[in-house]
Amino acid sequence: MTELIETAFSPTTVPATVLLLTVALYWTVAVVGGLGFDFLDLDLDFDADFDADTTFDTVMSAGAVTLKFLNIGRLPINIWVSFFAVAFWVISMLWRSPEEASTVLGIAGTIVRNGAVALLPTKLATQPLRGKFEPIEPESAENLLDRVGTVTTAEVTRTGGQARFTSDASPLLLNVRTTQAVLAKGEQVRIVDYDAVTHVYTVEKASPKEL
């Protein structure tokens, strides 16, 4: 155990160890304290329209492509850093030699090398997570017109009621009204109108061919 600690805090390994401990502390606070997943979750957008007419813009475009290739910006940065920290630490612990730690230049070179090598397993480990954390935009009221759902309250009348409708995200529980006869719980209804002022949807009983 003592040897492990000494190795973890040796000159060529200590940056990876500090990063790993920071990540471990973050997740501990997130789980125990309910910090959530937004802390350290930077908004990285690499879709900027670069002007390729200048050398600087060309370099910036190439950098954005590289970051995208490494999946930076394609999933929350805290998730990406967590995978990188583990890979960086494991490689730093396994790939070291006393000769490399004998000079400042050797220590710096080893740290940079291990960090660069750690990018590959980080890329591979995060590849299946691409797109899993992209937010699903809520559907607009116009897109919900003609959507068929189920009455969830005891009834839907001209003055009140609710119905559940499916969506690309979680099911939607909407306030609905009807201009027809009272609709009972469990009946299938179709959205025919929306009042943007009261945020209430008008529904009617769905015909068998609409189910």
C-alpha atoms as a PDB file:
ATOM      1  CA  MET A   1       0.000   0.000   0.000  1.00  0.00           C
ATOM      2  CA  THR A   2       2.820   2.371   0.868  1.00  0.00           C
ATOM      3  CA  GLU A   3       4.518   1.611  -2.439  1.00  0.00           C
ATOM      4  CA  LEU A   4       1.288   2.316  -4.311  1.00  0.00           C
ATOM      5  CA  ILE A   5       0.905   5.697  -2.617  1.00  0.00           C
ATOM      6  CA  GLU A   6       4.527   6.589  -3.282  1.00  0.00           C
ATOM      7  CA  THR A   7       4.116   5.677  -6.939  1.00  0.00           C
ATOM      8  CA  ALA A   8       0.850   7.604  -7.245  1.00  0.00           C
ATOM      9  CA  PHE A   9       2.500  10.739  -5.916  1.00  0.00           C
ATOM     10  CA  SER A  10       5.788  10.408  -7.758  1.00  0.00           C
ATOM     11  CA  PRO A  11       6.729  13.391  -9.984  1.00  0.00           C
ATOM     12  CA  THR A  12       5.546  11.816 -13.263  1.00  0.00           C
ATOM     13  CA  THR A  13       2.289  10.472 -11.800  1.00  0.00           C
ATOM     14  CA  VAL A  14       1.100  13.160  -9.398  1.00  0.00           C
ATOM     15  CA  PRO A  15      -0.773  15.265 -12.041  1.00  0.00           C
ATOM     16  CA  ALA A  16      -2.855  12.228 -13.011  1.00  0.00           C
ATOM     17  CA  THR A  17      -3.432  11.343  -9.359  1.00  0.00           C
ATOM     18  CA  VAL A  18      -4.583  14.873  -8.502  1.00  0.00           C
ATOM     19  CA  LEU A  19      -6.937  14.883 -11.492  1.00  0.00           C
ATOM     20  CA  LEU A  20      -8.372  11.498 -10.525  1.00  0.00           C
ATOM     21  CA  LEU A  21      -8.879  12.572  -6.907  1.00  0.00           C
ATOM     22  CA  THR A  22     -10.595  15.766  -8.085  1.00  0.00           C
ATOM     23  CA  VAL A  23     -12.959  13.761 -10.274  1.00  0.00           C
ATOM     24  CA  ALA A  24     -13.655  11.333  -7.423  1.00  0.00           C
ATOM     25  CA  LEU A  25     -14.414  14.245  -5.098  1.00  0.00           C
ATOM     26  CA  TYR A  26     -16.726  15.813  -7.668  1.00  0.00           C
ATOM     27  CA  TRP A  27     -18.774  12.633  -8.130  1.00  0.00           C
ATOM     28  CA  THR A  28     -18.911  12.085  -4.379  1.00  0.00           C
ATOM     29  CA  VAL A  29     -20.355  15.556  -3.878  1.00  0.00           C
ATOM     30  CA  ALA A  30     -22.693  15.076  -6.856  1.00  0.00           C
ATOM     31  CA  VAL A  31     -24.116  11.826  -5.501  1.00  0.00           C
ATOM     32  CA  VAL A  32     -24.205  12.631  -1.788  1.00  0.00           C
ATOM     33  CA  GLY A  33     -25.009  16.321  -1.996  1.00  0.00           C
ATOM     34  CA  GLY A  34     -27.292  16.251  -4.991  1.00  0.00           C
ATOM     35  CA  LEU A  35     -25.045  18.583  -6.927  1.00  0.00           C
ATOM     36  CA  GLY A  36     -26.301  17.188 -10.209  1.00  0.00           C
ATOM     37  CA  PHE A  37     -24.635  16.862 -13.576  1.00  0.00           C
ATOM     38  CA  ASP A  38     -24.485  20.526 -14.570  1.00  0.00           C
ATOM     39  CA  PHE A  39     -21.475  21.424 -12.433  1.00  0.00           C
ATOM     40  CA  LEU A  40     -18.384  21.729 -14.609  1.00  0.00           C
ATOM     41  CA  ASP A  41     -20.602  20.947 -17.604  1.00  0.00           C
ATOM     42  CA  LEU A  42     -19.318  23.565 -19.995  1.00  0.00           C
ATOM     43  CA  ASP A  43     -21.261  24.526 -23.059  1.00  0.00           C
ATOM     44  CA  LEU A  44     -18.813  23.629 -25.803  1.00  0.00           C
ATOM     45  CA  ASP A  45     -20.038  24.414 -29.280  1.00  0.00           C
ATOM     46  CA  PHE A  46     -17.637  23.690 -32.115  1.00  0.00           C
ATOM     47  CA  ASP A  47     -20.038  24.405 -34.958  1.00  0.00           C
ATOM     48  CA  ALA A  48     -18.833  27.963 -35.465  1.00  0.00           C
ATOM     49  CA  ASP A  49     -18.559  29.107 -39.063  1.00  0.00           C
ATOM     50  CA  PHE A  50     -14.827  29.610 -39.540  1.00  0.00           C
ATOM     51  CA  ASP A  51     -13.428  31.643 -42.423  1.00  0.00           C
ATOM     52  CA  ALA A  52     -10.865  29.415 -44.123  1.00  0.00           C
ATOM     53  CA  ASP A  53      -9.278  32.376 -45.930  1.00  0.00           C
ATOM     54  CA  THR A  54      -6.811  33.010 -43.113  1.00  0.00           C
ATOM     55  CA  THR A  55      -4.190  30.774 -41.570  1.00  0.00           C
ATOM     56  CA  PHE A  56      -5.554  31.412 -38.082  1.00  0.00           C
ATOM     57  CA  ASP A  57      -9.073  30.359 -39.009  1.00  0.00           C
ATOM     58  CA  THR A  58      -7.729  27.245 -40.707  1.00  0.00           C
ATOM     59  CA  VAL A  59      -5.860  26.266 -37.552  1.00  0.00           C
ATOM     60  CA  MET A  60      -8.947  26.934 -35.417  1.00  0.00           C
ATOM     61  CA  SER A  61     -11.083  24.815 -37.743  1.00  0.00           C
ATOM     62  CA  ALA A  62      -8.596  21.961 -37.510  1.00  0.00           C
ATOM     63  CA  GLY A  63      -8.625  22.265 -33.718  1.00  0.00           C
ATOM     64  CA  ALA A  64     -12.414  22.079 -33.612  1.00  0.00           C
ATOM     65  CA  VAL A  65     -12.371  18.960 -35.770  1.00  0.00           C
ATOM     66  CA  THR A  66      -9.800  17.377 -33.454  1.00  0.00           C
ATOM     67  CA  LEU A  67     -11.867  18.147 -30.370  1.00  0.00           C
ATOM     68  CA  LYS A  68     -14.943  16.660 -32.007  1.00  0.00           C
ATOM     69  CA  PHE A  69     -12.975  13.562 -32.972  1.00  0.00           C
ATOM     70  CA  LEU A  70     -12.005  13.115 -29.312  1.00  0.00           C
ATOM     71  CA  ASN A  71     -15.714  13.500 -28.392  1.00  0.00           C
ATOM     72  CA  ILE A  72     -15.079  16.750 -26.506  1.00  0.00           C
ATOM     73  CA  GLY A  73     -18.280  18.738 -26.823  1.00  0.00           C
ATOM     74  CA  ARG A  74     -20.280  15.682 -27.891  1.00  0.00           C
ATOM     75  CA  LEU A  75     -21.071  14.735 -24.277  1.00  0.00           C
ATOM     76  CA  PRO A  76     -20.908  16.572 -20.940  1.00  0.00           C
ATOM     77  CA  ILE A  77     -17.338  17.644 -20.188  1.00  0.00           C
ATOM     78  CA  ASN A  78     -17.517  16.185 -16.668  1.00  0.00           C
ATOM     79  CA  ILE A  79     -18.215  12.737 -18.146  1.00  0.00           C
ATOM     80  CA  TRP A  80     -15.366  13.084 -20.649  1.00  0.00           C
ATOM     81  CA  VAL A  81     -12.892  14.299 -18.005  1.00  0.00           C
ATOM     82  CA  SER A  82     -13.832  11.372 -15.764  1.00  0.00           C
ATOM     83  CA  PHE A  83     -12.915   8.826 -18.432  1.00  0.00           C
ATOM     84  CA  PHE A  84      -9.752  10.742 -19.277  1.00  0.00           C
ATOM     85  CA  ALA A  85      -8.698  10.929 -15.617  1.00  0.00           C
ATOM     86  CA  VAL A  86      -8.934   7.157 -15.209  1.00  0.00           C
ATOM     87  CA  ALA A  87      -7.047   6.471 -18.441  1.00  0.00           C
ATOM     88  CA  PHE A  88      -4.395   9.099 -17.625  1.00  0.00           C
ATOM     89  CA  TRP A  89      -3.837   7.675 -14.133  1.00  0.00           C
ATOM     90  CA  VAL A  90      -3.602   4.035 -15.231  1.00  0.00           C
ATOM     91  CA  ILE A  91      -1.151   4.851 -18.011  1.00  0.00           C
ATOM     92  CA  SER A  92       0.917   7.066 -15.699  1.00  0.00           C
ATOM     93  CA  MET A  93       1.112   4.310 -13.100  1.00  0.00           C
ATOM     94  CA  LEU A  94       2.114   1.611 -15.590  1.00  0.00           C
ATOM     95  CA  TRP A  95       4.334   3.548 -18.003  1.00  0.00           C
ATOM     96  CA  ARG A  96       7.133   5.133 -16.016  1.00  0.00           C
ATOM     97  CA  SER A  97      10.822   4.706 -15.308  1.00  0.00           C
ATOM     98  CA  PRO A  98      13.303   6.206 -12.819  1.00  0.00           C
ATOM     99  CA  GLU A  99      15.323   7.692 -15.674  1.00  0.00           C
ATOM    100  CA  GLU A 100      12.381   9.799 -16.857  1.00  0.00           C
ATOM    101  CA  ALA A 101      11.960  11.333 -13.396  1.00  0.00           C
ATOM    102  CA  SER A 102      15.599  12.331 -13.088  1.00  0.00           C
ATOM    103  CA  THR A 103      15.250  15.696 -14.840  1.00  0.00           C
ATOM    104  CA  VAL A 104      12.582  18.400 -15.072  1.00  0.00           C
ATOM    105  CA  LEU A 105      12.488  17.999 -18.853  1.00  0.00           C
ATOM    106  CA  GLY A 106      12.071  14.250 -18.506  1.00  0.00           C
ATOM    107  CA  ILE A 107       9.218  14.649 -16.014  1.00  0.00           C
ATOM    108  CA  ALA A 108       7.413  17.156 -18.222  1.00  0.00           C
ATOM    109  CA  GLY A 109       7.871  14.998 -21.317  1.00  0.00           C
ATOM    110  CA  THR A 110       6.544  11.919 -19.536  1.00  0.00           C
ATOM    111  CA  ILE A 111       3.454  13.739 -18.280  1.00  0.00           C
ATOM    112  CA  VAL A 112       2.678  15.116 -21.735  1.00  0.00           C
ATOM    113  CA  ARG A 113       3.259  11.715 -23.343  1.00  0.00           C
ATOM    114  CA  ASN A 114       0.999   9.909 -20.884  1.00  0.00           C
ATOM    115  CA  GLY A 115      -1.724  12.519 -21.306  1.00  0.00           C
ATOM    116  CA  ALA A 116      -1.550  12.244 -25.084  1.00  0.00           C
ATOM    117  CA  VAL A 117      -1.688   8.449 -24.997  1.00  0.00           C
ATOM    118  CA  ALA A 118      -4.645   8.577 -22.597  1.00  0.00           C
ATOM    119  CA  LEU A 119      -6.680  10.363 -25.268  1.00  0.00           C
ATOM    120  CA  LEU A 120      -7.006   7.136 -27.273  1.00  0.00           C
ATOM    121  CA  PRO A 121      -8.693   4.971 -24.597  1.00  0.00           C
ATOM    122  CA  THR A 122     -10.792   7.996 -23.637  1.00  0.00           C
ATOM    123  CA  LYS A 123     -11.959   8.294 -27.233  1.00  0.00           C
ATOM    124  CA  LEU A 124     -12.816   4.588 -27.379  1.00  0.00           C
ATOM    125  CA  ALA A 125     -14.583   4.564 -24.005  1.00  0.00           C
ATOM    126  CA  THR A 126     -16.711   7.645 -24.738  1.00  0.00           C
ATOM    127  CA  GLN A 127     -17.597   6.707 -28.317  1.00  0.00           C
ATOM    128  CA  PRO A 128     -20.742   4.723 -27.344  1.00  0.00           C
ATOM    129  CA  LEU A 129     -21.964   7.705 -25.277  1.00  0.00           C
ATOM    130  CA  ARG A 130     -22.077  10.143 -28.189  1.00  0.00           C
ATOM    131  CA  GLY A 131     -25.546  11.603 -28.554  1.00  0.00           C
ATOM    132  CA  LYS A 132     -26.826  10.055 -25.327  1.00  0.00           C
ATOM    133  CA  PHE A 133     -26.779  13.380 -23.473  1.00  0.00           C
ATOM    134  CA  GLU A 134     -28.216  15.634 -26.173  1.00  0.00           C
ATOM    135  CA  PRO A 135     -31.309  17.450 -24.876  1.00  0.00           C
ATOM    136  CA  ILE A 136     -34.597  16.713 -26.585  1.00  0.00           C
ATOM    137  CA  GLU A 137     -36.347  19.924 -27.499  1.00  0.00           C
ATOM    138  CA  PRO A 138     -39.937  20.117 -26.251  1.00  0.00           C
ATOM    139  CA  GLU A 139     -42.518  19.818 -28.978  1.00  0.00           C
ATOM    140  CA  SER A 140     -44.356  22.960 -29.978  1.00  0.00           C
ATOM    141  CA  ALA A 141     -48.094  23.245 -29.576  1.00  0.00           C
ATOM    142  CA  GLU A 142     -48.533  23.240 -33.342  1.00  0.00           C
ATOM    143  CA  ASN A 143     -46.798  19.874 -33.602  1.00  0.00           C
ATOM    144  CA  LEU A 144     -49.203  18.399 -31.069  1.00  0.00           C
ATOM    145  CA  LEU A 145     -52.291  19.107 -33.151  1.00  0.00           C
ATOM    146  CA  ASP A 146     -54.015  15.869 -34.214  1.00  0.00           C
ATOM    147  CA  ARG A 147     -52.052  13.935 -31.568  1.00  0.00           C
ATOM    148  CA  VAL A 148     -54.121  11.162 -29.982  1.00  0.00           C
ATOM    149  CA  GLY A 149     -53.991  10.583 -26.216  1.00  0.00           C
ATOM    150  CA  THR A 150     -55.883   9.178 -23.246  1.00  0.00           C
ATOM    151  CA  VAL A 151     -58.052  10.982 -20.705  1.00  0.00           C
ATOM    152  CA  THR A 152     -56.467  10.633 -17.258  1.00  0.00           C
ATOM    153  CA  THR A 153     -58.897  12.579 -15.073  1.00  0.00           C
ATOM    154  CA  ALA A 154     -62.356  11.356 -14.136  1.00  0.00           C
ATOM    155  CA  GLU A 155     -63.710  13.330 -17.061  1.00  0.00           C
ATOM    156  CA  VAL A 156     -62.961  16.107 -19.529  1.00  0.00           C
ATOM    157  CA  THR A 157     -65.533  18.872 -19.841  1.00  0.00           C
ATOM    158  CA  ARG A 158     -65.805  22.384 -21.219  1.00  0.00           C
ATOM    159  CA  THR A 159     -64.203  23.680 -18.022  1.00  0.00           C
ATOM    160  CA  GLY A 160     -61.487  21.217 -17.113  1.00  0.00           C
ATOM    161  CA  GLY A 161     -59.688  17.909 -17.490  1.00  0.00           C
ATOM    162  CA  GLN A 162     -56.360  16.347 -18.380  1.00  0.00           C
ATOM    163  CA  ALA A 163     -55.107  13.827 -20.910  1.00  0.00           C
ATOM    164  CA  ARG A 164     -51.797  12.051 -21.489  1.00  0.00           C
ATOM    165  CA  PHE A 165     -50.057  12.106 -24.872  1.00  0.00           C
ATOM    166  CA  THR A 166     -46.893  10.398 -26.071  1.00  0.00           C
ATOM    167  CA  SER A 167     -43.889  12.439 -27.209  1.00  0.00           C
ATOM    168  CA  ASP A 168     -40.256  11.962 -28.243  1.00  0.00           C
ATOM    169  CA  ALA A 169     -39.270  12.559 -24.629  1.00  0.00           C
ATOM    170  CA  SER A 170     -41.421  11.664 -21.621  1.00  0.00           C
ATOM    171  CA  PRO A 171     -45.232  11.436 -21.919  1.00  0.00           C
ATOM    172  CA  LEU A 172     -47.049  14.780 -21.797  1.00  0.00           C
ATOM    173  CA  LEU A 173     -49.844  15.436 -19.311  1.00  0.00           C
ATOM    174  CA  LEU A 174     -51.815  18.342 -20.783  1.00  0.00           C
ATOM    175  CA  ASN A 175     -54.718  20.475 -19.611  1.00  0.00           C
ATOM    176  CA  VAL A 176     -57.538  19.871 -22.062  1.00  0.00           C
ATOM    177  CA  ARG A 177     -61.104  20.978 -22.673  1.00  0.00           C
ATOM    178  CA  THR A 178     -63.816  19.684 -24.962  1.00  0.00           C
ATOM    179  CA  THR A 179     -66.584  21.442 -26.847  1.00  0.00           C
ATOM    180  CA  GLN A 180     -68.475  18.162 -27.211  1.00  0.00           C
ATOM    181  CA  ALA A 181     -70.107  15.894 -24.658  1.00  0.00           C
ATOM    182  CA  VAL A 182     -68.252  14.964 -21.499  1.00  0.00           C
ATOM    183  CA  LEU A 183     -65.338  12.578 -22.145  1.00  0.00           C
ATOM    184  CA  ALA A 184     -64.742   9.858 -19.548  1.00  0.00           C
ATOM    185  CA  LYS A 185     -61.478   8.586 -18.103  1.00  0.00           C
ATOM    186  CA  GLY A 186     -59.663   6.199 -20.423  1.00  0.00           C
ATOM    187  CA  GLU A 187     -61.296   7.507 -23.603  1.00  0.00           C
ATOM    188  CA  GLN A 188     -59.069   8.257 -26.578  1.00  0.00           C
ATOM    189  CA  VAL A 189     -59.057  11.907 -27.615  1.00  0.00           C
ATOM    190  CA  ARG A 190     -57.497  13.947 -30.413  1.00  0.00           C
ATOM    191  CA  ILE A 191     -56.120  17.488 -30.088  1.00  0.00           C
ATOM    192  CA  VAL A 192     -57.945  19.852 -32.438  1.00  0.00           C
ATOM    193  CA  ASP A 193     -56.942  23.304 -31.157  1.00  0.00           C
ATOM    194  CA  TYR A 194     -54.682  25.185 -28.747  1.00  0.00           C
ATOM    195  CA  ASP A 195     -55.227  28.439 -26.851  1.00  0.00           C
ATOM    196  CA  ALA A 196     -51.862  30.196 -26.492  1.00  0.00           C
ATOM    197  CA  VAL A 197     -53.265  32.555 -23.850  1.00  0.00           C
ATOM    198  CA  THR A 198     -54.610  29.951 -21.414  1.00  0.00           C
ATOM    199  CA  HIS A 199     -52.234  27.173 -22.581  1.00  0.00           C
ATOM    200  CA  VAL A 200     -55.180  24.812 -22.855  1.00  0.00           C
ATOM    201  CA  TYR A 201     -55.760  22.264 -25.602  1.00  0.00           C
ATOM    202  CA  THR A 202     -59.144  21.531 -27.091  1.00  0.00           C
ATOM    203  CA  VAL A 203     -59.823  17.854 -27.734  1.00  0.00           C
ATOM    204  CA  GLU A 204     -62.538  15.715 -29.234  1.00  0.00           C
ATOM    205  CA  LYS A 205     -63.220  12.012 -29.063  1.00  0.00           C
ATOM    206  CA  ALA A 206     -60.951  10.161 -31.463  1.00  0.00           C
ATOM    207  CA  SER A 207     -62.571   8.116 -34.162  1.00  0.00           C
ATOM    208  CA  PRO A 208     -61.672   4.406 -34.453  1.00  0.00           C
ATOM    209  CA  LYS A 209     -59.597   5.010 -37.599  1.00  0.00           C
ATOM    210  CA  GLU A 210     -57.419   7.534 -35.704  1.00  0.00           C
ATOM    211  CA  LEU A 211     -56.406   5.038 -33.010  1.00  0.00           C
END
